Amino acid sequence: MSEIYCGQATKYLVNLTDDERAQLEAMLNKGTGPARPLTRARILLATDRNDPDEAIAYALHVHRTTVAAVRKRCVEAGLAVALYDRVRPGAARKLDGTQEAFLIALACSDAPDGRKRWTMQLLAEKLVALGIVEEISDECVRETLKNDTKPWQRKEWCFPTIGAEFVYRMEDVLDLYAEPADPARPRVCLDEVPVQLVSEVRVPAPTAPGVPARYDYEYQREGTCNVFLLVQPEAGFRQVLVTAHRTLIDFAHLLKHLVDDLYPEDEVIRLVTDNLNIHTPACLYEAFPPEEARRMTAKLEWHYTPKHASWLNMAEIEIGIVSLQCLDRRIPDQATLGRELAAWEDARNAAQATIERRFTSAVARIKLSDLYPSIPA
């Protein structure tokens, strides 16, 4: 391939080798693959025959500047770049081992001040500024990193506090679930979920044959509220209650409802909750006289899930179901939310949908053995 200069203009003359010509013809004969590389292969074969750019553009239904760009990339960067805009897998790397290792280490380091994370452009500029390479493209940085690390991605993760406290609370909850059902001592799991109230700005278009329902992207925020959910897993019973807020007082009144209205005749209510700050018997003393608070406290047997392990609370399973089946839509006000949740609750209780957790302490000691503290010999 050679480059010919004519006055102020630059014309790139493509002269393919026999191997390159055979490679392009094989691509076209195969007839399958991304459309863009196939079109560029036809352009290159036509330019190799010295066809005018205007004629190539007309025949292949592309712009003349596209033909010129493909011709230029082929002359300047080679056949692979002309076809694919990058070096194909298996081609020689532009960075040696030391430079590549430095790039990976740089991508894993903290981003520059004022930036949320490293970008390909920032990494390329930093490599040049540090003198690691004389020049490098963003695409070369991306190709080098894509199989090792991806600084443009971030994943939210929960780092559990592992130790004796964790496994104690885990086994306490798992053993509670494994016990036979005791009608006089019901197991009740409790959790809550915030709900954002949203109303429509424009009336949605309903579903029609061949046409899905359509909702305008614009909406009106109407505030937030809270949904308490309690479930007795083996009995197939659950109840949802909507409150304007999620405070100690709200939770205290929920406990009173649990003790006096739902399970007034039972000896003890074995309650499973996570470690939210309002989930404590002390809330009863915030809302009621000491005698009344003590009466209710004596009837509640608390079982806390480990910190960062609220998935052990079976109420979270029920919250996932209600979120999917009922809450995943625009609901304008608290009254409507209450009616919709009551209908969902009635239907699910009528079906007596139960929850069974088969994960036991014995299984945890095998599958989660890494979580248990090492015992000195």
Protein backbone atom coordinates (compact mmCIF):
# COMPACT_ATOMS: atom_id res chain seq x y z
CA MET A 1 0.00 0.00 0.00
CA SER A 2 1.34 3.43 -0.85
CA GLU A 3 0.47 7.03 -0.26
CA ILE A 4 0.45 9.55 -3.13
CA TYR A 5 0.53 13.32 -2.54
CA CYS A 6 -1.02 15.59 -5.15
CA GLY A 7 -0.63 19.29 -4.36
CA GLN A 8 -2.40 20.22 -1.14
CA ALA A 9 -4.69 17.13 -1.26
CA THR A 10 -3.72 13.66 -0.09
CA LYS A 11 -4.95 10.60 -1.94
CA TYR A 12 -4.52 7.15 -0.42
CA LEU A 13 -3.92 4.45 -2.99
CA VAL A 14 -4.77 0.92 -1.85
CA ASN A 15 -2.67 -1.91 -3.27
CA LEU A 16 -3.71 -5.18 -1.66
CA THR A 17 -1.42 -8.16 -1.47
CA ASP A 18 -2.58 -11.51 -2.79
CA ASP A 19 -3.15 -12.76 0.76
CA GLU A 20 -5.18 -9.67 1.70
CA ARG A 21 -7.26 -9.94 -1.45
CA ALA A 22 -7.90 -13.63 -0.76
CA GLN A 23 -8.93 -12.81 2.84
CA LEU A 24 -11.48 -10.22 1.69
CA GLU A 25 -12.90 -12.49 -1.00
CA ALA A 26 -13.25 -15.30 1.52
CA MET A 27 -15.21 -12.95 3.84
CA LEU A 28 -17.61 -12.07 1.04
CA ASN A 29 -17.97 -15.64 -0.19
CA LYS A 30 -18.89 -16.75 3.32
CA GLY A 31 -21.76 -14.26 3.19
CA THR A 32 -22.32 -14.02 6.95
CA GLY A 33 -21.04 -11.62 9.57
CA PRO A 34 -21.52 -8.00 10.61
CA ALA A 35 -22.68 -5.80 7.73
CA ARG A 36 -20.11 -3.03 8.26
CA PRO A 37 -16.95 -5.15 7.79
CA LEU A 38 -18.52 -6.79 4.70
CA THR A 39 -19.25 -3.38 3.17
CA ARG A 40 -15.71 -2.22 3.92
CA ALA A 41 -14.32 -5.39 2.34
CA ARG A 42 -16.21 -4.55 -0.86
CA ILE A 43 -14.88 -0.99 -0.71
CA LEU A 44 -11.30 -2.18 -0.36
CA LEU A 45 -11.58 -4.65 -3.23
CA ALA A 46 -13.05 -1.92 -5.40
CA THR A 47 -10.31 0.58 -4.47
CA ASP A 48 -7.73 -2.11 -5.21
CA ARG A 49 -9.15 -2.15 -8.75
CA ASN A 50 -8.73 1.65 -8.86
CA ASP A 51 -12.49 2.25 -9.19
CA PRO A 52 -13.41 5.92 -8.61
CA ASP A 53 -14.70 6.74 -5.14
CA GLU A 54 -17.92 8.15 -6.58
CA ALA A 55 -18.64 4.93 -8.46
CA ILE A 56 -17.89 2.78 -5.39
CA ALA A 57 -20.14 4.93 -3.20
CA TYR A 58 -22.98 4.75 -5.72
CA ALA A 59 -22.70 0.98 -6.17
CA LEU A 60 -22.53 0.19 -2.44
CA HIS A 61 -25.03 2.83 -1.27
CA VAL A 62 -22.54 4.62 0.99
CA HIS A 63 -21.23 8.17 1.09
CA ARG A 64 -18.09 9.10 -0.82
CA THR A 65 -16.45 10.21 2.43
CA THR A 66 -16.95 6.68 3.79
CA VAL A 67 -14.99 5.26 0.87
CA ALA A 68 -12.22 7.82 1.44
CA ALA A 69 -12.10 7.06 5.17
CA VAL A 70 -11.80 3.30 4.61
CA ARG A 71 -9.09 3.87 2.02
CA LYS A 72 -7.18 6.12 4.41
CA ARG A 73 -7.41 3.72 7.39
CA CYS A 74 -6.18 0.85 5.24
CA VAL A 75 -3.12 2.77 4.11
CA GLU A 76 -2.30 4.27 7.50
CA ALA A 77 -3.20 1.48 9.93
CA GLY A 78 -3.60 -1.71 7.95
CA LEU A 79 -6.33 -4.02 6.77
CA ALA A 80 -7.64 -5.06 10.20
CA VAL A 81 -8.22 -1.50 11.35
CA ALA A 82 -9.87 -0.61 8.03
CA LEU A 83 -12.32 -3.48 8.45
CA TYR A 84 -12.98 -3.44 12.18
CA ASP A 85 -11.74 -0.07 13.53
CA ARG A 86 -9.36 -2.02 15.77
CA VAL A 87 -6.78 -4.76 15.69
CA ARG A 88 -8.47 -8.15 15.65
CA PRO A 89 -7.92 -10.65 18.49
CA GLY A 90 -4.64 -12.46 18.08
CA ALA A 91 -2.84 -9.45 16.61
CA ALA A 92 0.27 -8.10 18.29
CA ARG A 93 -0.39 -5.96 21.35
CA LYS A 94 0.63 -2.33 21.32
CA LEU A 95 1.82 -2.57 24.93
CA ASP A 96 4.55 -4.84 26.19
CA GLY A 97 4.16 -6.84 29.40
CA THR A 98 5.57 -4.15 31.68
CA GLN A 99 3.42 -1.41 30.14
CA GLU A 100 0.33 -3.59 30.31
CA ALA A 101 0.93 -4.42 33.98
CA PHE A 102 1.36 -0.72 34.75
CA LEU A 103 -1.92 0.08 32.96
CA ILE A 104 -3.82 -2.56 34.93
CA ALA A 105 -2.37 -1.30 38.22
CA LEU A 106 -3.27 2.28 37.27
CA ALA A 107 -6.85 1.29 36.37
CA CYS A 108 -7.22 -0.38 39.80
CA SER A 109 -5.99 2.69 41.68
CA ASP A 110 -8.08 5.62 42.92
CA ALA A 111 -9.37 7.92 40.21
CA PRO A 112 -7.85 11.42 39.87
CA ASP A 113 -9.18 14.20 42.08
CA GLY A 114 -12.49 15.49 40.84
CA ARG A 115 -13.31 12.32 38.90
CA LYS A 116 -15.69 9.53 39.87
CA ARG A 117 -13.69 6.81 38.10
CA TRP A 118 -11.03 6.27 35.49
CA THR A 119 -12.09 6.58 31.85
CA MET A 120 -10.24 5.21 28.85
CA GLN A 121 -9.21 8.71 27.85
CA LEU A 122 -7.90 9.56 31.32
CA LEU A 123 -5.88 6.33 31.45
CA ALA A 124 -4.39 6.97 28.01
CA GLU A 125 -3.45 10.53 28.93
CA LYS A 126 -1.91 9.39 32.24
CA LEU A 127 0.25 6.76 30.53
CA VAL A 128 1.61 9.40 28.19
CA ALA A 129 2.09 11.96 30.98
CA LEU A 130 4.08 9.44 33.04
CA GLY A 131 6.26 8.55 30.07
CA ILE A 132 5.14 4.91 30.01
CA VAL A 133 4.28 5.22 26.29
CA GLU A 134 4.81 7.94 23.72
CA GLU A 135 1.22 7.72 22.51
CA ILE A 136 -1.75 5.38 22.92
CA SER A 137 -5.38 5.43 21.84
CA ASP A 138 -8.44 5.04 24.04
CA GLU A 139 -9.36 1.93 22.07
CA CYS A 140 -5.99 0.31 22.79
CA VAL A 141 -6.53 0.94 26.51
CA ARG A 142 -9.98 -0.60 26.37
CA GLU A 143 -8.76 -3.66 24.43
CA THR A 144 -5.96 -4.20 26.93
CA LEU A 145 -8.19 -3.95 29.98
CA LYS A 146 -11.36 -5.70 28.87
CA ASN A 147 -10.25 -9.17 29.96
CA ASP A 148 -8.47 -8.05 33.14
CA THR A 149 -10.35 -5.22 34.80
CA LYS A 150 -13.13 -2.81 33.88
CA PRO A 151 -12.63 0.53 35.68
CA TRP A 152 -15.75 1.92 34.02
CA GLN A 153 -17.89 -0.58 35.96
CA ARG A 154 -18.85 -0.47 39.62
CA LYS A 155 -20.89 -2.95 41.62
CA GLU A 156 -22.63 -2.27 44.89
CA TRP A 157 -21.72 -5.00 47.33
CA CYS A 158 -22.46 -5.93 50.91
CA PHE A 159 -19.41 -6.66 53.03
CA PRO A 160 -20.69 -8.78 55.95
CA THR A 161 -19.21 -8.54 59.40
CA ILE A 162 -18.06 -12.12 59.78
CA GLY A 163 -17.28 -13.74 63.11
CA ALA A 164 -18.80 -15.50 66.09
CA GLU A 165 -21.57 -12.89 66.42
CA PHE A 166 -22.58 -13.44 62.79
CA VAL A 167 -22.77 -17.24 62.98
CA TYR A 168 -24.52 -17.15 66.37
CA ARG A 169 -27.35 -15.01 65.05
CA MET A 170 -27.51 -16.95 61.80
CA GLU A 171 -27.84 -20.30 63.57
CA ASP A 172 -30.33 -18.84 66.04
CA VAL A 173 -32.66 -17.82 63.22
CA LEU A 174 -32.12 -21.02 61.22
CA ASP A 175 -32.83 -23.20 64.26
CA LEU A 176 -35.98 -21.21 64.92
CA TYR A 177 -37.21 -21.95 61.40
CA ALA A 178 -36.32 -25.64 61.78
CA GLU A 179 -38.39 -26.13 64.93
CA PRO A 180 -41.80 -27.81 64.59
CA ALA A 181 -44.71 -25.40 64.44
CA ASP A 182 -46.14 -24.54 67.88
CA PRO A 183 -49.65 -23.01 67.73
CA ALA A 184 -49.13 -21.36 71.11
CA ARG A 185 -45.81 -19.81 70.08
CA PRO A 186 -46.17 -18.53 66.49
CA ARG A 187 -43.14 -17.51 64.42
CA VAL A 188 -43.62 -14.09 62.85
CA CYS A 189 -41.18 -12.38 60.48
CA LEU A 190 -41.40 -8.61 60.14
CA ASP A 191 -39.87 -6.08 57.79
CA GLU A 192 -40.76 -2.85 56.00
CA VAL A 193 -40.26 -1.18 52.64
CA PRO A 194 -40.48 2.50 51.63
CA VAL A 195 -42.82 3.34 48.75
CA GLN A 196 -42.66 6.42 46.54
CA LEU A 197 -46.10 7.70 45.59
CA VAL A 198 -46.33 8.75 41.94
CA SER A 199 -49.27 10.01 39.90
CA GLU A 200 -49.74 10.27 36.16
CA VAL A 201 -49.46 13.63 34.43
CA ARG A 202 -51.27 12.33 31.33
CA VAL A 203 -53.83 9.54 31.04
CA PRO A 204 -52.14 6.30 29.94
CA ALA A 205 -53.26 4.61 26.71
CA PRO A 206 -54.70 1.17 27.49
CA THR A 207 -53.64 -2.09 25.90
CA ALA A 208 -55.20 -2.83 22.51
CA PRO A 209 -54.83 -5.77 20.09
CA GLY A 210 -51.26 -5.61 18.81
CA VAL A 211 -50.48 -2.47 20.86
CA PRO A 212 -48.99 -2.51 24.37
CA ALA A 213 -50.15 -0.13 27.08
CA ARG A 214 -48.38 3.20 26.85
CA TYR A 215 -47.40 5.46 29.72
CA ASP A 216 -45.94 8.93 29.44
CA TYR A 217 -42.39 9.19 30.74
CA GLU A 218 -43.37 12.28 32.76
CA TYR A 219 -44.90 11.77 36.19
CA GLN A 220 -45.79 13.69 39.36
CA ARG A 221 -44.13 12.85 42.69
CA GLU A 222 -46.64 12.71 45.53
CA GLY A 223 -44.31 12.01 48.46
CA THR A 224 -43.44 8.77 50.18
CA CYS A 225 -44.91 6.40 52.74
CA ASN A 226 -43.97 3.18 54.48
CA VAL A 227 -45.30 -0.37 54.26
CA PHE A 228 -44.89 -2.73 57.21
CA LEU A 229 -45.20 -6.40 56.31
CA LEU A 230 -45.45 -9.30 58.74
CA VAL A 231 -45.71 -12.94 57.74
CA GLN A 232 -46.25 -16.20 59.58
CA PRO A 233 -44.42 -18.45 57.09
CA GLU A 234 -45.77 -21.91 57.95
CA ALA A 235 -49.37 -20.68 58.37
CA GLY A 236 -49.62 -18.95 54.99
CA PHE A 237 -50.68 -15.71 56.70
CA ARG A 238 -49.37 -12.24 56.07
CA GLN A 239 -50.53 -8.69 56.72
CA VAL A 240 -49.43 -5.36 55.28
CA LEU A 241 -49.97 -2.01 56.96
CA VAL A 242 -49.38 1.39 55.39
CA THR A 243 -48.06 4.25 57.51
CA ALA A 244 -47.07 7.78 56.63
CA HIS A 245 -43.68 7.40 58.34
CA ARG A 246 -41.35 4.75 59.71
CA THR A 247 -40.57 5.88 63.24
CA LEU A 248 -40.18 4.29 66.65
CA ILE A 249 -43.76 5.26 67.43
CA ASP A 250 -45.07 3.69 64.21
CA PHE A 251 -43.22 0.47 64.97
CA ALA A 252 -44.46 0.46 68.58
CA HIS A 253 -48.08 0.65 67.43
CA LEU A 254 -47.40 -2.16 64.97
CA LEU A 255 -46.14 -4.33 67.84
CA LYS A 256 -49.25 -3.51 69.87
CA HIS A 257 -51.40 -4.54 66.92
CA LEU A 258 -49.40 -7.76 66.67
CA VAL A 259 -49.75 -8.60 70.37
CA ASP A 260 -53.32 -7.46 71.08
CA ASP A 261 -55.15 -7.89 67.76
CA LEU A 262 -53.46 -10.65 65.76
CA TYR A 263 -52.20 -13.01 68.48
CA PRO A 264 -54.02 -12.06 71.71
CA GLU A 265 -54.36 -15.64 73.03
CA ASP A 266 -50.84 -16.87 72.28
CA GLU A 267 -48.28 -17.29 75.03
CA VAL A 268 -45.24 -15.97 73.16
CA ILE A 269 -44.69 -14.44 69.74
CA ARG A 270 -41.27 -15.38 68.35
CA LEU A 271 -40.37 -12.36 66.26
CA VAL A 272 -37.69 -12.25 63.53
CA THR A 273 -36.43 -8.82 62.47
CA ASP A 274 -33.26 -7.26 61.10
CA ASN A 275 -31.10 -4.77 62.99
CA LEU A 276 -32.80 -1.53 61.99
CA ASN A 277 -32.58 1.03 64.79
CA ILE A 278 -36.35 1.04 65.42
CA HIS A 279 -36.50 -2.75 65.75
CA THR A 280 -36.13 -2.86 69.51
CA PRO A 281 -38.46 -3.44 72.50
CA ALA A 282 -37.43 0.00 73.73
CA CYS A 283 -39.81 1.56 71.18
CA LEU A 284 -42.74 0.34 73.32
CA TYR A 285 -41.51 2.51 76.20
CA GLU A 286 -41.41 5.50 73.84
CA ALA A 287 -45.07 5.10 72.94
CA PHE A 288 -46.85 3.57 75.96
CA PRO A 289 -46.82 3.72 79.77
CA PRO A 290 -44.21 1.45 81.40
CA GLU A 291 -46.77 -1.10 82.63
CA GLU A 292 -48.29 -1.46 79.17
CA ALA A 293 -44.88 -1.58 77.48
CA ARG A 294 -43.66 -4.27 79.89
CA ARG A 295 -46.77 -6.38 79.31
CA MET A 296 -46.15 -6.43 75.56
CA THR A 297 -42.40 -6.86 75.89
CA ALA A 298 -42.89 -9.99 78.02
CA LYS A 299 -44.86 -11.59 75.20
CA LEU A 300 -42.25 -10.96 72.49
CA GLU A 301 -39.26 -13.24 71.96
CA TRP A 302 -36.82 -11.44 69.67
CA HIS A 303 -34.57 -13.11 67.12
CA TYR A 304 -32.32 -10.77 65.15
CA THR A 305 -30.75 -11.67 61.83
CA PRO A 306 -26.99 -11.04 61.61
CA LYS A 307 -25.89 -7.62 60.44
CA HIS A 308 -25.71 -7.50 56.63
CA ALA A 309 -27.67 -10.75 56.43
CA SER A 310 -31.29 -9.64 56.47
CA TRP A 311 -31.91 -12.20 53.70
CA LEU A 312 -32.39 -14.66 56.58
CA ASN A 313 -35.62 -12.85 57.42
CA MET A 314 -38.39 -14.60 55.47
CA ALA A 315 -40.36 -11.36 55.43
CA GLU A 316 -37.90 -10.21 52.74
CA ILE A 317 -39.18 -13.02 50.49
CA GLU A 318 -42.70 -11.72 50.91
CA ILE A 319 -41.59 -8.13 50.27
CA GLY A 320 -39.98 -9.26 47.01
CA ILE A 321 -43.27 -10.88 45.99
CA VAL A 322 -45.46 -7.92 46.87
CA SER A 323 -43.04 -5.55 45.12
CA LEU A 324 -43.23 -7.59 41.94
CA GLN A 325 -46.95 -8.33 42.01
CA CYS A 326 -48.38 -5.09 43.40
CA LEU A 327 -45.95 -2.22 44.00
CA ASP A 328 -44.09 -2.14 40.68
CA ARG A 329 -46.26 0.60 39.14
CA ARG A 330 -47.31 4.19 39.66
CA ILE A 331 -49.57 4.56 42.70
CA PRO A 332 -50.74 8.13 43.38
CA ASP A 333 -51.67 8.25 47.07
CA GLN A 334 -51.64 6.39 50.36
CA ALA A 335 -55.34 5.51 50.22
CA THR A 336 -54.97 3.83 46.82
CA LEU A 337 -51.88 2.01 48.02
CA GLY A 338 -53.78 0.72 51.05
CA ARG A 339 -56.64 -0.61 48.91
CA GLU A 340 -54.30 -2.30 46.44
CA LEU A 341 -52.25 -3.93 49.19
CA ALA A 342 -55.39 -5.11 50.99
CA ALA A 343 -56.59 -6.81 47.79
CA TRP A 344 -53.19 -8.43 47.30
CA GLU A 345 -53.13 -9.57 50.94
CA ASP A 346 -56.61 -11.10 50.77
CA ALA A 347 -55.82 -13.06 47.62
CA ARG A 348 -52.50 -14.37 48.90
CA ASN A 349 -53.93 -15.35 52.28
CA ALA A 350 -56.84 -17.09 50.57
CA ALA A 351 -54.30 -19.13 48.61
CA GLN A 352 -52.52 -19.91 51.93
CA ALA A 353 -49.13 -19.41 50.27
CA THR A 354 -46.55 -20.72 52.73
CA ILE A 355 -42.79 -20.31 52.90
CA GLU A 356 -40.41 -23.14 53.75
CA ARG A 357 -36.73 -22.52 54.36
CA ARG A 358 -34.68 -25.68 53.87
CA PHE A 359 -31.34 -24.06 54.63
CA THR A 360 -30.44 -25.30 58.12
CA SER A 361 -27.59 -24.80 60.57
CA ALA A 362 -26.17 -28.19 59.60
CA VAL A 363 -26.07 -27.14 55.95
CA ALA A 364 -24.60 -23.73 56.87
CA ARG A 365 -21.71 -25.38 58.71
CA ILE A 366 -20.76 -27.12 55.49
CA LYS A 367 -21.55 -24.57 52.78
CA LEU A 368 -20.60 -21.50 54.81
CA SER A 369 -17.71 -23.03 56.73
CA ASP A 370 -15.49 -20.05 55.82
CA LEU A 371 -17.74 -17.79 57.92
CA TYR A 372 -17.07 -19.69 61.13
CA PRO A 373 -14.19 -18.62 63.38
CA SER A 374 -11.14 -20.88 63.49
CA ILE A 375 -10.90 -22.77 66.76
CA PRO A 376 -7.37 -22.94 68.24
CA ALA A 377 -6.01 -26.49 68.52
